[in-house]
Amino acid sequence: MLREGINLTVNPSEETIRLGPLTVRFLLTRDNSAGSIAAFEVLVPCGQRLAAPAHSHDHFEETIYGIAGALVWTVNGKQIEVGPGQALCIPRGAIHRFDNVGSTDAMALCVITPAAIGPQFFRESAELINAAASGPPDRAKMSEIMRRHGLTPAPPPGQA
């Protein structure tokens, strides 16, 4: 039975956030799902690497579903390519990142359960990444944003 007052709409969030060359488009947020799920598309142009450090999260799973192109996810040191029609669940505590090493743009659907992260993390990250122009964002500031939103930055390579 549907609770009274629930407004059912397609893509109730519809917010697009640009993080340098990457685009994140939120479809659902915790506000649209009683906190159970957040879902967003990420568009990664060919040859692009994630500007933020590899990270983990202890309070939610992240499931990736490939839509177009392919992203190479590095999860606990293992590289896994996720292409169209493929899914990967990244468990809590796993250190991960992604890159588009291919020659075509890639798009994936990312699902966060429960909805412990939302657009505000990406808005703040975008501000920092976009201010850095074509260089890397300030790692200390990026790490602070990540921690505030429940992500744990991994140490830089070689400093584990």
N, C-alpha and C. Protein backbone atom coordinates (compact mmCIF):
# COMPACT_ATOMS: atom_id res chain seq x y z
N MET A 1 0.85 -1.18 0.00
CA MET A 1 0.00 0.00 0.00
C MET A 1 0.89 1.24 0.00
N LEU A 2 0.59 2.19 -0.82
CA LEU A 2 1.34 3.43 -0.94
C LEU A 2 0.92 4.40 0.16
N ARG A 3 1.92 4.92 0.88
CA ARG A 3 1.63 5.91 1.92
C ARG A 3 1.11 7.19 1.29
N GLU A 4 0.17 7.80 1.98
CA GLU A 4 -0.37 9.06 1.50
C GLU A 4 0.71 10.13 1.53
N GLY A 5 0.71 11.01 0.56
CA GLY A 5 1.65 12.12 0.53
C GLY A 5 2.95 11.81 -0.19
N ILE A 6 3.17 10.57 -0.64
CA ILE A 6 4.39 10.24 -1.37
C ILE A 6 4.18 10.65 -2.82
N ASN A 7 5.11 11.41 -3.32
CA ASN A 7 5.04 11.90 -4.69
C ASN A 7 5.92 11.02 -5.56
N LEU A 8 5.33 10.19 -6.40
CA LEU A 8 6.08 9.32 -7.27
C LEU A 8 6.35 10.02 -8.60
N THR A 9 7.63 10.22 -8.91
CA THR A 9 8.01 10.84 -10.17
C THR A 9 9.26 10.14 -10.70
N VAL A 10 9.45 10.21 -11.99
CA VAL A 10 10.64 9.67 -12.63
C VAL A 10 11.78 10.66 -12.45
N ASN A 11 12.96 10.16 -12.06
CA ASN A 11 14.15 11.00 -11.87
C ASN A 11 13.84 12.26 -11.05
N PRO A 12 13.37 12.11 -9.83
CA PRO A 12 12.97 13.29 -9.05
C PRO A 12 14.12 14.26 -8.75
N SER A 13 15.35 13.81 -8.79
CA SER A 13 16.46 14.70 -8.47
C SER A 13 16.88 15.52 -9.68
N GLU A 14 17.27 14.83 -10.77
CA GLU A 14 17.67 15.49 -12.03
C GLU A 14 18.66 16.62 -11.83
N GLU A 15 19.70 16.40 -11.05
CA GLU A 15 20.74 17.42 -10.86
C GLU A 15 22.01 16.96 -11.55
N THR A 16 22.60 17.82 -12.39
CA THR A 16 23.84 17.51 -13.08
C THR A 16 24.96 18.34 -12.47
N ILE A 17 26.07 17.67 -12.14
CA ILE A 17 27.23 18.32 -11.51
C ILE A 17 28.45 18.01 -12.36
N ARG A 18 29.20 19.05 -12.73
CA ARG A 18 30.43 18.87 -13.53
C ARG A 18 31.64 18.94 -12.61
N LEU A 19 32.43 17.89 -12.64
CA LEU A 19 33.67 17.81 -11.87
C LEU A 19 34.81 17.76 -12.87
N GLY A 20 35.29 18.94 -13.30
CA GLY A 20 36.26 18.95 -14.39
C GLY A 20 35.61 18.34 -15.60
N PRO A 21 36.26 17.34 -16.23
CA PRO A 21 35.68 16.73 -17.43
C PRO A 21 34.60 15.69 -17.13
N LEU A 22 34.45 15.27 -15.88
CA LEU A 22 33.44 14.27 -15.53
C LEU A 22 32.09 14.95 -15.28
N THR A 23 31.02 14.22 -15.55
CA THR A 23 29.68 14.70 -15.28
C THR A 23 28.95 13.68 -14.41
N VAL A 24 28.34 14.16 -13.34
CA VAL A 24 27.53 13.31 -12.46
C VAL A 24 26.10 13.83 -12.53
N ARG A 25 25.16 12.92 -12.83
CA ARG A 25 23.75 13.31 -12.88
C ARG A 25 22.98 12.45 -11.89
N PHE A 26 22.52 13.10 -10.82
CA PHE A 26 21.76 12.38 -9.80
C PHE A 26 20.35 12.10 -10.28
N LEU A 27 19.92 10.87 -10.05
CA LEU A 27 18.57 10.45 -10.40
C LEU A 27 17.71 10.35 -9.15
N LEU A 28 18.29 9.80 -8.08
CA LEU A 28 17.61 9.65 -6.80
C LEU A 28 18.56 10.05 -5.68
N THR A 29 18.03 10.67 -4.65
CA THR A 29 18.81 11.00 -3.47
C THR A 29 18.10 10.43 -2.24
N ARG A 30 18.75 10.56 -1.09
CA ARG A 30 18.10 10.07 0.14
C ARG A 30 16.75 10.76 0.35
N ASP A 31 16.63 12.01 -0.09
CA ASP A 31 15.36 12.74 0.06
C ASP A 31 14.24 12.14 -0.78
N ASN A 32 14.61 11.45 -1.88
CA ASN A 32 13.61 10.86 -2.77
C ASN A 32 13.34 9.39 -2.46
N SER A 33 14.08 8.82 -1.48
CA SER A 33 13.99 7.37 -1.27
C SER A 33 13.91 6.97 0.20
N ALA A 34 13.52 7.89 1.05
CA ALA A 34 13.46 7.63 2.49
C ALA A 34 14.81 7.12 3.00
N GLY A 35 15.90 7.57 2.36
CA GLY A 35 17.24 7.22 2.80
C GLY A 35 17.75 5.87 2.36
N SER A 36 16.97 5.13 1.58
CA SER A 36 17.36 3.77 1.24
C SER A 36 18.35 3.67 0.08
N ILE A 37 18.33 4.64 -0.85
CA ILE A 37 19.15 4.51 -2.05
C ILE A 37 19.46 5.89 -2.63
N ALA A 38 20.65 6.01 -3.19
CA ALA A 38 21.01 7.16 -4.03
C ALA A 38 21.50 6.56 -5.34
N ALA A 39 21.12 7.17 -6.45
CA ALA A 39 21.53 6.66 -7.76
C ALA A 39 21.92 7.84 -8.63
N PHE A 40 23.06 7.66 -9.32
CA PHE A 40 23.52 8.71 -10.23
C PHE A 40 24.28 8.09 -11.40
N GLU A 41 24.23 8.79 -12.53
CA GLU A 41 25.03 8.42 -13.68
C GLU A 41 26.34 9.20 -13.61
N VAL A 42 27.41 8.57 -14.06
CA VAL A 42 28.67 9.27 -14.20
C VAL A 42 29.14 9.09 -15.64
N LEU A 43 29.48 10.20 -16.28
CA LEU A 43 30.01 10.20 -17.64
C LEU A 43 31.49 10.55 -17.54
N VAL A 44 32.34 9.66 -18.04
CA VAL A 44 33.79 9.83 -17.95
C VAL A 44 34.36 9.84 -19.36
N PRO A 45 34.86 11.00 -19.82
CA PRO A 45 35.44 11.05 -21.16
C PRO A 45 36.63 10.09 -21.30
N CYS A 46 36.90 9.68 -22.53
CA CYS A 46 38.01 8.75 -22.77
C CYS A 46 39.32 9.35 -22.25
N GLY A 47 40.13 8.49 -21.69
CA GLY A 47 41.45 8.89 -21.21
C GLY A 47 41.46 9.62 -19.88
N GLN A 48 40.32 9.72 -19.20
CA GLN A 48 40.26 10.47 -17.95
C GLN A 48 40.45 9.57 -16.73
N ARG A 49 41.18 10.10 -15.76
CA ARG A 49 41.39 9.44 -14.48
C ARG A 49 40.59 10.18 -13.42
N LEU A 50 40.19 9.47 -12.39
CA LEU A 50 39.47 10.08 -11.28
C LEU A 50 40.40 11.07 -10.58
N ALA A 51 39.94 12.31 -10.39
CA ALA A 51 40.78 13.35 -9.78
C ALA A 51 40.93 13.14 -8.28
N ALA A 52 39.94 12.57 -7.64
CA ALA A 52 39.99 12.34 -6.20
C ALA A 52 40.84 11.11 -5.90
N PRO A 53 41.39 11.04 -4.69
CA PRO A 53 42.18 9.86 -4.33
C PRO A 53 41.31 8.60 -4.22
N ALA A 54 41.96 7.46 -4.36
CA ALA A 54 41.27 6.20 -4.09
C ALA A 54 40.71 6.30 -2.68
N HIS A 55 39.63 5.57 -2.42
CA HIS A 55 38.97 5.72 -1.13
C HIS A 55 38.17 4.47 -0.78
N SER A 56 37.69 4.46 0.43
CA SER A 56 36.76 3.41 0.86
C SER A 56 35.63 4.09 1.61
N HIS A 57 34.58 3.32 1.88
CA HIS A 57 33.49 3.83 2.70
C HIS A 57 32.98 2.69 3.56
N ASP A 58 32.77 2.98 4.82
CA ASP A 58 32.38 1.95 5.79
C ASP A 58 30.88 1.86 6.01
N HIS A 59 30.11 2.81 5.49
CA HIS A 59 28.69 2.88 5.83
C HIS A 59 27.75 2.59 4.67
N PHE A 60 28.30 2.24 3.50
CA PHE A 60 27.44 1.92 2.38
C PHE A 60 28.17 1.10 1.33
N GLU A 61 27.38 0.36 0.54
CA GLU A 61 27.90 -0.34 -0.63
C GLU A 61 27.69 0.57 -1.84
N GLU A 62 28.54 0.36 -2.84
CA GLU A 62 28.41 1.09 -4.10
C GLU A 62 28.36 0.04 -5.21
N THR A 63 27.27 0.05 -5.95
CA THR A 63 27.12 -0.89 -7.06
C THR A 63 27.21 -0.10 -8.36
N ILE A 64 28.03 -0.61 -9.27
CA ILE A 64 28.28 0.05 -10.54
C ILE A 64 27.66 -0.79 -11.65
N TYR A 65 26.93 -0.14 -12.55
CA TYR A 65 26.36 -0.82 -13.71
C TYR A 65 26.83 -0.08 -14.96
N GLY A 66 27.54 -0.78 -15.84
CA GLY A 66 28.05 -0.17 -17.06
C GLY A 66 26.95 0.10 -18.07
N ILE A 67 26.94 1.30 -18.63
CA ILE A 67 25.95 1.68 -19.63
C ILE A 67 26.59 1.80 -21.01
N ALA A 68 27.74 2.48 -21.09
CA ALA A 68 28.44 2.68 -22.36
C ALA A 68 29.93 2.74 -22.10
N GLY A 69 30.72 2.37 -23.10
CA GLY A 69 32.17 2.38 -22.92
C GLY A 69 32.54 1.43 -21.79
N ALA A 70 33.71 1.65 -21.20
CA ALA A 70 34.14 0.79 -20.09
C ALA A 70 34.99 1.61 -19.13
N LEU A 71 34.79 1.36 -17.85
CA LEU A 71 35.64 1.94 -16.81
C LEU A 71 36.45 0.83 -16.19
N VAL A 72 37.69 1.12 -15.88
CA VAL A 72 38.52 0.17 -15.16
C VAL A 72 38.50 0.59 -13.69
N TRP A 73 37.92 -0.27 -12.88
CA TRP A 73 37.84 -0.05 -11.44
C TRP A 73 38.99 -0.81 -10.79
N THR A 74 39.71 -0.14 -9.91
CA THR A 74 40.73 -0.81 -9.12
C THR A 74 40.15 -0.95 -7.73
N VAL A 75 39.91 -2.19 -7.30
CA VAL A 75 39.28 -2.48 -6.02
C VAL A 75 40.25 -3.36 -5.22
N ASN A 76 40.72 -2.82 -4.10
CA ASN A 76 41.70 -3.53 -3.26
C ASN A 76 42.87 -4.03 -4.11
N GLY A 77 43.33 -3.20 -5.05
CA GLY A 77 44.49 -3.52 -5.86
C GLY A 77 44.21 -4.34 -7.10
N LYS A 78 43.00 -4.83 -7.27
CA LYS A 78 42.65 -5.66 -8.43
C LYS A 78 41.92 -4.82 -9.47
N GLN A 79 42.36 -4.86 -10.71
CA GLN A 79 41.71 -4.11 -11.77
C GLN A 79 40.57 -4.93 -12.37
N ILE A 80 39.40 -4.28 -12.49
CA ILE A 80 38.20 -4.93 -13.00
C ILE A 80 37.56 -3.98 -14.02
N GLU A 81 37.41 -4.45 -15.26
CA GLU A 81 36.77 -3.63 -16.27
C GLU A 81 35.27 -3.86 -16.23
N VAL A 82 34.51 -2.77 -16.20
CA VAL A 82 33.05 -2.84 -16.19
C VAL A 82 32.54 -2.14 -17.44
N GLY A 83 31.93 -2.92 -18.32
CA GLY A 83 31.40 -2.39 -19.57
C GLY A 83 29.89 -2.47 -19.59
N PRO A 84 29.28 -2.17 -20.73
CA PRO A 84 27.82 -2.16 -20.84
C PRO A 84 27.20 -3.49 -20.41
N GLY A 85 26.19 -3.40 -19.59
CA GLY A 85 25.46 -4.58 -19.12
C GLY A 85 26.15 -5.35 -18.02
N GLN A 86 27.28 -4.85 -17.53
CA GLN A 86 27.99 -5.53 -16.44
C GLN A 86 27.83 -4.75 -15.15
N ALA A 87 27.85 -5.47 -14.03
CA ALA A 87 27.67 -4.84 -12.72
C ALA A 87 28.78 -5.29 -11.77
N LEU A 88 29.14 -4.40 -10.87
CA LEU A 88 30.16 -4.66 -9.87
C LEU A 88 29.68 -4.05 -8.55
N CYS A 89 29.66 -4.85 -7.50
CA CYS A 89 29.31 -4.33 -6.18
C CYS A 89 30.61 -4.15 -5.40
N ILE A 90 30.85 -2.93 -4.94
CA ILE A 90 32.03 -2.61 -4.15
C ILE A 90 31.61 -2.64 -2.68
N PRO A 91 32.12 -3.61 -1.92
CA PRO A 91 31.69 -3.75 -0.53
C PRO A 91 32.25 -2.65 0.37
N ARG A 92 31.60 -2.48 1.50
CA ARG A 92 32.08 -1.54 2.51
C ARG A 92 33.53 -1.86 2.85
N GLY A 93 34.34 -0.82 2.99
CA GLY A 93 35.73 -0.99 3.40
C GLY A 93 36.71 -1.27 2.27
N ALA A 94 36.24 -1.55 1.06
CA ALA A 94 37.15 -1.84 -0.06
C ALA A 94 37.70 -0.53 -0.62
N ILE A 95 39.02 -0.46 -0.78
CA ILE A 95 39.65 0.73 -1.36
C ILE A 95 39.48 0.65 -2.88
N HIS A 96 38.98 1.72 -3.46
CA HIS A 96 38.69 1.68 -4.90
C HIS A 96 38.83 3.04 -5.56
N ARG A 97 38.92 2.99 -6.89
CA ARG A 97 38.96 4.16 -7.77
C ARG A 97 38.60 3.67 -9.16
N PHE A 98 38.45 4.59 -10.12
CA PHE A 98 38.18 4.19 -11.50
C PHE A 98 38.90 5.11 -12.46
N ASP A 99 39.11 4.58 -13.66
CA ASP A 99 39.71 5.34 -14.75
C ASP A 99 39.07 4.89 -16.05
N ASN A 100 39.04 5.80 -17.02
CA ASN A 100 38.62 5.43 -18.37
C ASN A 100 39.89 5.39 -19.21
N VAL A 101 40.42 4.21 -19.42
CA VAL A 101 41.65 4.06 -20.20
C VAL A 101 41.34 3.76 -21.66
N GLY A 102 40.06 3.71 -22.00
CA GLY A 102 39.64 3.37 -23.35
C GLY A 102 39.67 4.56 -24.29
N SER A 103 39.25 4.29 -25.53
CA SER A 103 39.25 5.33 -26.56
C SER A 103 37.86 5.91 -26.80
N THR A 104 36.89 5.53 -25.96
CA THR A 104 35.54 6.09 -26.06
C THR A 104 35.09 6.54 -24.68
N ASP A 105 34.15 7.46 -24.67
CA ASP A 105 33.59 7.93 -23.40
C ASP A 105 32.87 6.76 -22.72
N ALA A 106 32.82 6.80 -21.41
CA ALA A 106 32.16 5.73 -20.65
C ALA A 106 31.07 6.35 -19.77
N MET A 107 30.00 5.59 -19.60
CA MET A 107 28.94 6.00 -18.69
C MET A 107 28.56 4.80 -17.83
N ALA A 108 28.36 5.08 -16.55
CA ALA A 108 27.95 4.03 -15.62
C ALA A 108 26.88 4.59 -14.70
N LEU A 109 26.05 3.68 -14.20
CA LEU A 109 25.08 4.01 -13.18
C LEU A 109 25.69 3.57 -11.85
N CYS A 110 25.71 4.45 -10.87
CA CYS A 110 26.24 4.15 -9.55
C CYS A 110 25.09 4.18 -8.56
N VAL A 111 24.98 3.13 -7.77
CA VAL A 111 23.91 3.01 -6.80
C VAL A 111 24.53 2.88 -5.41
N ILE A 112 24.12 3.76 -4.51
CA ILE A 112 24.64 3.80 -3.14
C ILE A 112 23.54 3.30 -2.21
N THR A 113 23.85 2.25 -1.43
CA THR A 113 22.86 1.71 -0.49
C THR A 113 23.49 1.49 0.87
N PRO A 114 22.90 2.02 1.92
CA PRO A 114 21.85 3.03 1.90
C PRO A 114 22.41 4.36 1.38
N ALA A 115 21.55 5.35 1.24
CA ALA A 115 21.90 6.63 0.61
C ALA A 115 22.72 7.51 1.56
N ALA A 116 23.93 7.07 1.87
CA ALA A 116 24.78 7.79 2.83
C ALA A 116 25.55 8.94 2.19
N ILE A 117 25.52 9.04 0.88
CA ILE A 117 26.22 10.12 0.18
C ILE A 117 25.27 10.68 -0.88
N GLY A 118 25.42 11.96 -1.15
CA GLY A 118 24.51 12.57 -2.11
C GLY A 118 25.15 13.70 -2.87
N PRO A 119 24.34 14.54 -3.49
CA PRO A 119 24.85 15.60 -4.35
C PRO A 119 25.79 16.58 -3.65
N GLN A 120 25.60 16.83 -2.36
CA GLN A 120 26.44 17.82 -1.69
C GLN A 120 27.92 17.44 -1.74
N PHE A 121 28.23 16.17 -1.59
CA PHE A 121 29.63 15.73 -1.71
C PHE A 121 30.18 16.11 -3.08
N PHE A 122 29.41 15.84 -4.14
CA PHE A 122 29.87 16.12 -5.48
C PHE A 122 29.92 17.62 -5.77
N ARG A 123 29.01 18.40 -5.20
CA ARG A 123 29.06 19.86 -5.37
C ARG A 123 30.35 20.41 -4.78
N GLU A 124 30.67 19.99 -3.56
CA GLU A 124 31.88 20.48 -2.89
C GLU A 124 33.14 20.01 -3.62
N SER A 125 33.14 18.76 -4.06
CA SER A 125 34.29 18.22 -4.81
C SER A 125 34.45 18.98 -6.13
N ALA A 126 33.33 19.26 -6.80
CA ALA A 126 33.38 19.98 -8.07
C ALA A 126 33.99 21.36 -7.89
N GLU A 127 33.62 22.03 -6.83
CA GLU A 127 34.17 23.37 -6.58
C GLU A 127 35.70 23.31 -6.47
N LEU A 128 36.20 22.34 -5.75
CA LEU A 128 37.65 22.20 -5.57
C LEU A 128 38.33 21.75 -6.87
N ILE A 129 37.77 20.75 -7.53
CA ILE A 129 38.36 20.23 -8.77
C ILE A 129 38.33 21.28 -9.87
N ASN A 130 37.21 21.98 -10.00
CA ASN A 130 37.09 22.98 -11.05
C ASN A 130 38.00 24.18 -10.79
N ALA A 131 38.26 24.51 -9.53
CA ALA A 131 39.16 25.62 -9.19
C ALA A 131 40.61 25.27 -9.51
N ALA A 132 40.93 23.98 -9.55
CA ALA A 132 42.30 23.54 -9.84
C ALA A 132 42.60 23.57 -11.34
N ALA A 133 41.62 23.95 -12.13
CA ALA A 133 41.74 23.99 -13.60
C ALA A 133 42.17 22.63 -14.12
N SER A 134 43.29 22.54 -14.82
CA SER A 134 43.69 21.26 -15.41
C SER A 134 44.65 20.48 -14.51
N GLY A 135 45.03 21.05 -13.37
CA GLY A 135 45.93 20.33 -12.46
C GLY A 135 45.15 19.52 -11.44
N PRO A 136 45.86 18.75 -10.62
CA PRO A 136 45.16 17.97 -9.59
C PRO A 136 44.64 18.88 -8.48
N PRO A 137 43.53 18.51 -7.86
CA PRO A 137 43.01 19.32 -6.75
C PRO A 137 43.91 19.16 -5.52
N ASP A 138 43.82 20.10 -4.61
CA ASP A 138 44.58 20.05 -3.37
C ASP A 138 44.18 18.78 -2.61
N ARG A 139 45.14 17.87 -2.40
CA ARG A 139 44.84 16.56 -1.80
C ARG A 139 44.31 16.70 -0.38
N ALA A 140 44.88 17.61 0.40
CA ALA A 140 44.43 17.77 1.80
C ALA A 140 42.99 18.27 1.85
N LYS A 141 42.65 19.23 0.99
CA LYS A 141 41.28 19.75 0.96
C LYS A 141 40.31 18.70 0.43
N MET A 142 40.74 17.95 -0.60
CA MET A 142 39.88 16.90 -1.14
C MET A 142 39.64 15.83 -0.08
N SER A 143 40.68 15.47 0.65
CA SER A 143 40.55 14.45 1.70
C SER A 143 39.60 14.92 2.80
N GLU A 144 39.65 16.20 3.12
CA GLU A 144 38.76 16.74 4.16
C GLU A 144 37.31 16.66 3.71
N ILE A 145 37.04 17.01 2.45
CA ILE A 145 35.67 16.90 1.91
C ILE A 145 35.22 15.44 1.96
N MET A 146 36.09 14.54 1.54
CA MET A 146 35.74 13.12 1.52
C MET A 146 35.40 12.63 2.93
N ARG A 147 36.24 12.94 3.90
CA ARG A 147 36.00 12.47 5.28
C ARG A 147 34.68 13.01 5.83
N ARG A 148 34.40 14.27 5.54
CA ARG A 148 33.16 14.89 6.03
C ARG A 148 31.92 14.19 5.49
N HIS A 149 32.06 13.55 4.33
CA HIS A 149 30.92 12.87 3.70
C HIS A 149 30.99 11.36 3.82
N GLY A 150 31.83 10.86 4.73
CA GLY A 150 31.85 9.43 5.01
C GLY A 150 32.75 8.58 4.14
N LEU A 151 33.65 9.19 3.39
CA LEU A 151 34.61 8.45 2.58
C LEU A 151 35.97 8.54 3.26
N THR A 152 36.73 7.47 3.20
CA THR A 152 38.07 7.44 3.80
C THR A 152 39.09 7.42 2.67
N PRO A 153 39.85 8.53 2.49
CA PRO A 153 40.87 8.54 1.43
C PRO A 153 41.96 7.52 1.73
N ALA A 154 42.42 6.84 0.69
CA ALA A 154 43.52 5.91 0.84
C ALA A 154 44.83 6.72 0.83
N PRO A 155 45.86 6.21 1.49
CA PRO A 155 47.14 6.92 1.42
C PRO A 155 47.64 6.97 -0.02
N PRO A 156 48.45 7.98 -0.35
CA PRO A 156 49.01 8.04 -1.71
C PRO A 156 49.79 6.76 -2.01
N PRO A 157 49.87 6.37 -3.28
CA PRO A 157 50.62 5.15 -3.64
C PRO A 157 52.04 5.22 -3.07
N GLY A 158 52.48 4.10 -2.51
CA GLY A 158 53.81 4.03 -1.92
C GLY A 158 53.90 4.51 -0.50
N GLN A 159 52.76 4.98 0.08
CA GLN A 159 52.77 5.47 1.46
C GLN A 159 51.78 4.71 2.34
N ALA A 160 51.54 3.48 2.02
CA ALA A 160 50.54 2.69 2.78
C ALA A 160 50.97 2.36 4.16
